[in-house]
């Protein structure tokens, strides 16, 4: 039986684009933009799990760091 969902933490990459890491799994993805990242995440999830074990929902948790002057 498959998990209901998998959660990815998303951050902007230092080199540009975005990086994603799954919580609890060794699944990583990168994308040039948000749409590309979503495609890469879906592909990585499908490659990691057997067809009957693929989670039904992929949840994206965005982390945004911002620096402001004091």
N, C-alpha and C. Protein backbone atom coordinates (compact mmCIF):
# COMPACT_ATOMS: atom_id res chain seq x y z
N UNK A 1 0.85 -1.19 0.00
CA UNK A 1 0.00 0.00 0.00
C UNK A 1 0.88 1.24 0.00
N UNK A 2 0.52 2.25 -0.78
CA UNK A 2 1.36 3.43 -0.91
C UNK A 2 1.07 4.45 0.20
N UNK A 3 2.09 5.30 0.43
CA UNK A 3 1.90 6.43 1.33
C UNK A 3 0.93 7.40 0.68
N UNK A 4 0.19 8.15 1.47
CA UNK A 4 -0.76 9.10 0.91
C UNK A 4 -0.08 10.31 0.31
N UNK A 5 1.02 10.75 0.94
CA UNK A 5 1.70 11.93 0.41
C UNK A 5 3.19 11.90 0.74
N UNK A 6 3.92 12.71 0.00
CA UNK A 6 5.34 12.89 0.23
C UNK A 6 5.57 14.40 0.27
N UNK A 7 6.46 14.85 1.14
CA UNK A 7 6.71 16.28 1.31
C UNK A 7 8.11 16.61 0.83
N UNK A 8 8.21 17.68 0.04
CA UNK A 8 9.49 18.19 -0.42
C UNK A 8 9.72 19.58 0.16
N UNK A 9 10.95 19.84 0.59
CA UNK A 9 11.36 21.18 1.00
C UNK A 9 12.01 21.83 -0.22
N UNK A 10 11.54 23.03 -0.57
CA UNK A 10 12.01 23.73 -1.76
C UNK A 10 12.77 24.98 -1.34
N UNK A 11 13.95 25.17 -1.94
CA UNK A 11 14.74 26.37 -1.70
C UNK A 11 15.29 26.89 -3.02
N UNK A 12 15.54 28.19 -3.06
CA UNK A 12 16.21 28.75 -4.24
C UNK A 12 17.66 28.29 -4.20
N UNK A 13 18.19 27.93 -5.37
CA UNK A 13 19.57 27.48 -5.48
C UNK A 13 20.51 28.67 -5.55
N UNK A 14 21.68 28.53 -4.98
CA UNK A 14 22.71 29.58 -5.06
C UNK A 14 23.09 29.83 -6.51
N UNK A 15 23.07 28.77 -7.31
CA UNK A 15 23.45 28.86 -8.72
C UNK A 15 22.29 29.29 -9.62
N UNK A 16 21.16 29.60 -9.05
CA UNK A 16 19.96 29.95 -9.81
C UNK A 16 19.03 28.75 -9.90
N UNK A 17 17.77 29.00 -10.10
CA UNK A 17 16.80 27.92 -10.14
C UNK A 17 16.38 27.49 -8.74
N UNK A 18 15.93 26.25 -8.63
CA UNK A 18 15.39 25.74 -7.37
C UNK A 18 15.90 24.34 -7.09
N UNK A 19 15.95 24.00 -5.80
CA UNK A 19 16.35 22.67 -5.35
C UNK A 19 15.26 22.11 -4.44
N UNK A 20 15.02 20.81 -4.55
CA UNK A 20 14.00 20.16 -3.74
C UNK A 20 14.57 18.91 -3.10
N UNK A 21 14.20 18.68 -1.83
CA UNK A 21 14.63 17.49 -1.11
C UNK A 21 13.42 16.90 -0.39
N UNK A 22 13.20 15.61 -0.58
CA UNK A 22 12.07 14.94 0.08
C UNK A 22 12.40 14.69 1.54
N UNK A 23 11.41 14.85 2.39
CA UNK A 23 11.58 14.54 3.81
C UNK A 23 11.38 13.04 4.01
N UNK A 24 12.39 12.40 4.59
CA UNK A 24 12.29 10.98 4.89
C UNK A 24 12.70 10.05 3.77
N UNK A 25 13.08 10.60 2.63
CA UNK A 25 13.49 9.79 1.48
C UNK A 25 14.73 10.42 0.84
N UNK A 26 15.51 9.62 0.17
CA UNK A 26 16.68 10.14 -0.55
C UNK A 26 16.26 10.50 -1.98
N UNK A 27 15.42 11.52 -2.07
CA UNK A 27 14.95 11.99 -3.37
C UNK A 27 15.27 13.47 -3.47
N UNK A 28 15.97 13.83 -4.54
CA UNK A 28 16.37 15.21 -4.78
C UNK A 28 16.01 15.59 -6.20
N UNK A 29 15.72 16.88 -6.41
CA UNK A 29 15.42 17.37 -7.75
C UNK A 29 15.86 18.82 -7.86
N UNK A 30 16.14 19.22 -9.09
CA UNK A 30 16.51 20.60 -9.39
C UNK A 30 15.73 21.05 -10.62
N UNK A 31 15.44 22.36 -10.68
CA UNK A 31 14.76 22.89 -11.85
C UNK A 31 15.15 24.34 -12.09
N UNK A 32 15.12 24.74 -13.35
CA UNK A 32 15.48 26.11 -13.71
C UNK A 32 14.42 27.11 -13.26
N UNK A 33 13.16 26.68 -13.26
CA UNK A 33 12.06 27.52 -12.81
C UNK A 33 11.06 26.62 -12.07
N UNK A 34 10.00 27.21 -11.57
CA UNK A 34 9.06 26.45 -10.73
C UNK A 34 8.39 25.32 -11.51
N UNK A 35 7.97 25.60 -12.74
CA UNK A 35 7.30 24.56 -13.53
C UNK A 35 8.26 23.41 -13.84
N UNK A 36 9.50 23.74 -14.19
CA UNK A 36 10.51 22.71 -14.46
C UNK A 36 10.76 21.89 -13.19
N UNK A 37 10.85 22.57 -12.05
CA UNK A 37 11.07 21.87 -10.78
C UNK A 37 9.94 20.88 -10.50
N UNK A 38 8.71 21.29 -10.72
CA UNK A 38 7.57 20.40 -10.48
C UNK A 38 7.66 19.15 -11.37
N UNK A 39 8.02 19.34 -12.63
CA UNK A 39 8.18 18.19 -13.53
C UNK A 39 9.29 17.26 -13.05
N UNK A 40 10.42 17.84 -12.61
CA UNK A 40 11.55 17.05 -12.13
C UNK A 40 11.19 16.29 -10.85
N UNK A 41 10.42 16.92 -9.97
CA UNK A 41 9.98 16.25 -8.73
C UNK A 41 9.08 15.07 -9.06
N UNK A 42 8.11 15.27 -9.92
CA UNK A 42 7.20 14.17 -10.30
C UNK A 42 8.00 13.00 -10.89
N UNK A 43 8.95 13.32 -11.76
CA UNK A 43 9.76 12.28 -12.38
C UNK A 43 10.60 11.55 -11.34
N UNK A 44 11.20 12.30 -10.41
CA UNK A 44 12.04 11.68 -9.36
C UNK A 44 11.21 10.77 -8.46
N UNK A 45 9.99 11.18 -8.13
CA UNK A 45 9.12 10.36 -7.28
C UNK A 45 8.74 9.07 -8.00
N UNK A 46 8.38 9.19 -9.28
CA UNK A 46 8.01 8.00 -10.05
C UNK A 46 9.18 7.03 -10.19
N UNK A 47 10.39 7.56 -10.31
CA UNK A 47 11.59 6.70 -10.43
C UNK A 47 11.95 6.03 -9.10
N UNK A 48 11.65 6.69 -7.99
CA UNK A 48 12.04 6.18 -6.67
C UNK A 48 11.14 5.04 -6.19
N UNK A 49 9.85 5.13 -6.47
CA UNK A 49 8.88 4.16 -5.96
C UNK A 49 8.45 3.17 -7.04
N UNK A 50 8.04 2.00 -6.62
CA UNK A 50 7.38 1.05 -7.51
C UNK A 50 6.03 1.66 -7.91
N UNK A 51 5.51 1.30 -9.08
CA UNK A 51 4.24 1.91 -9.53
C UNK A 51 3.10 1.82 -8.52
N UNK A 52 3.01 0.73 -7.78
CA UNK A 52 1.92 0.59 -6.80
C UNK A 52 2.19 1.33 -5.50
N UNK A 53 3.41 1.86 -5.33
CA UNK A 53 3.80 2.53 -4.09
C UNK A 53 3.92 4.05 -4.21
N UNK A 54 3.68 4.60 -5.40
CA UNK A 54 3.83 6.04 -5.61
C UNK A 54 2.82 6.79 -4.74
N UNK A 55 3.27 7.78 -3.95
CA UNK A 55 2.34 8.57 -3.14
C UNK A 55 1.30 9.28 -4.02
N UNK A 56 0.12 9.46 -3.47
CA UNK A 56 -0.97 10.09 -4.22
C UNK A 56 -0.82 11.61 -4.30
N UNK A 57 -0.15 12.21 -3.31
CA UNK A 57 0.01 13.67 -3.23
C UNK A 57 1.47 14.01 -3.01
N UNK A 58 1.94 15.02 -3.74
CA UNK A 58 3.27 15.58 -3.51
C UNK A 58 3.07 16.98 -2.95
N UNK A 59 3.50 17.17 -1.72
CA UNK A 59 3.33 18.47 -1.05
C UNK A 59 4.66 19.22 -1.11
N UNK A 60 4.61 20.49 -1.51
CA UNK A 60 5.81 21.32 -1.60
C UNK A 60 5.81 22.34 -0.47
N UNK A 61 6.88 22.34 0.31
CA UNK A 61 7.03 23.27 1.43
C UNK A 61 8.14 24.25 1.03
N UNK A 62 7.77 25.50 0.78
CA UNK A 62 8.71 26.50 0.29
C UNK A 62 9.42 27.18 1.44
N UNK A 63 10.75 27.26 1.35
CA UNK A 63 11.55 27.99 2.32
C UNK A 63 12.17 29.17 1.58
N UNK A 64 11.92 30.33 2.08
CA UNK A 64 12.46 31.53 1.44
C UNK A 64 13.22 32.32 2.49
N UNK A 65 14.45 32.58 2.18
CA UNK A 65 15.28 33.35 3.09
C UNK A 65 15.41 34.76 2.52
N UNK A 66 15.23 35.74 3.38
CA UNK A 66 15.33 37.13 2.95
C UNK A 66 16.15 37.90 3.97
N UNK A 67 17.04 38.71 3.49
CA UNK A 67 17.87 39.53 4.35
C UNK A 67 17.47 40.98 4.15
N UNK A 68 17.25 41.69 5.27
CA UNK A 68 16.92 43.12 5.18
C UNK A 68 17.92 43.91 5.99
N UNK A 69 18.14 45.17 5.66
CA UNK A 69 19.09 45.97 6.44
C UNK A 69 18.56 46.21 7.84
N UNK A 70 19.45 46.27 8.80
CA UNK A 70 19.07 46.49 10.21
C UNK A 70 18.77 47.96 10.45
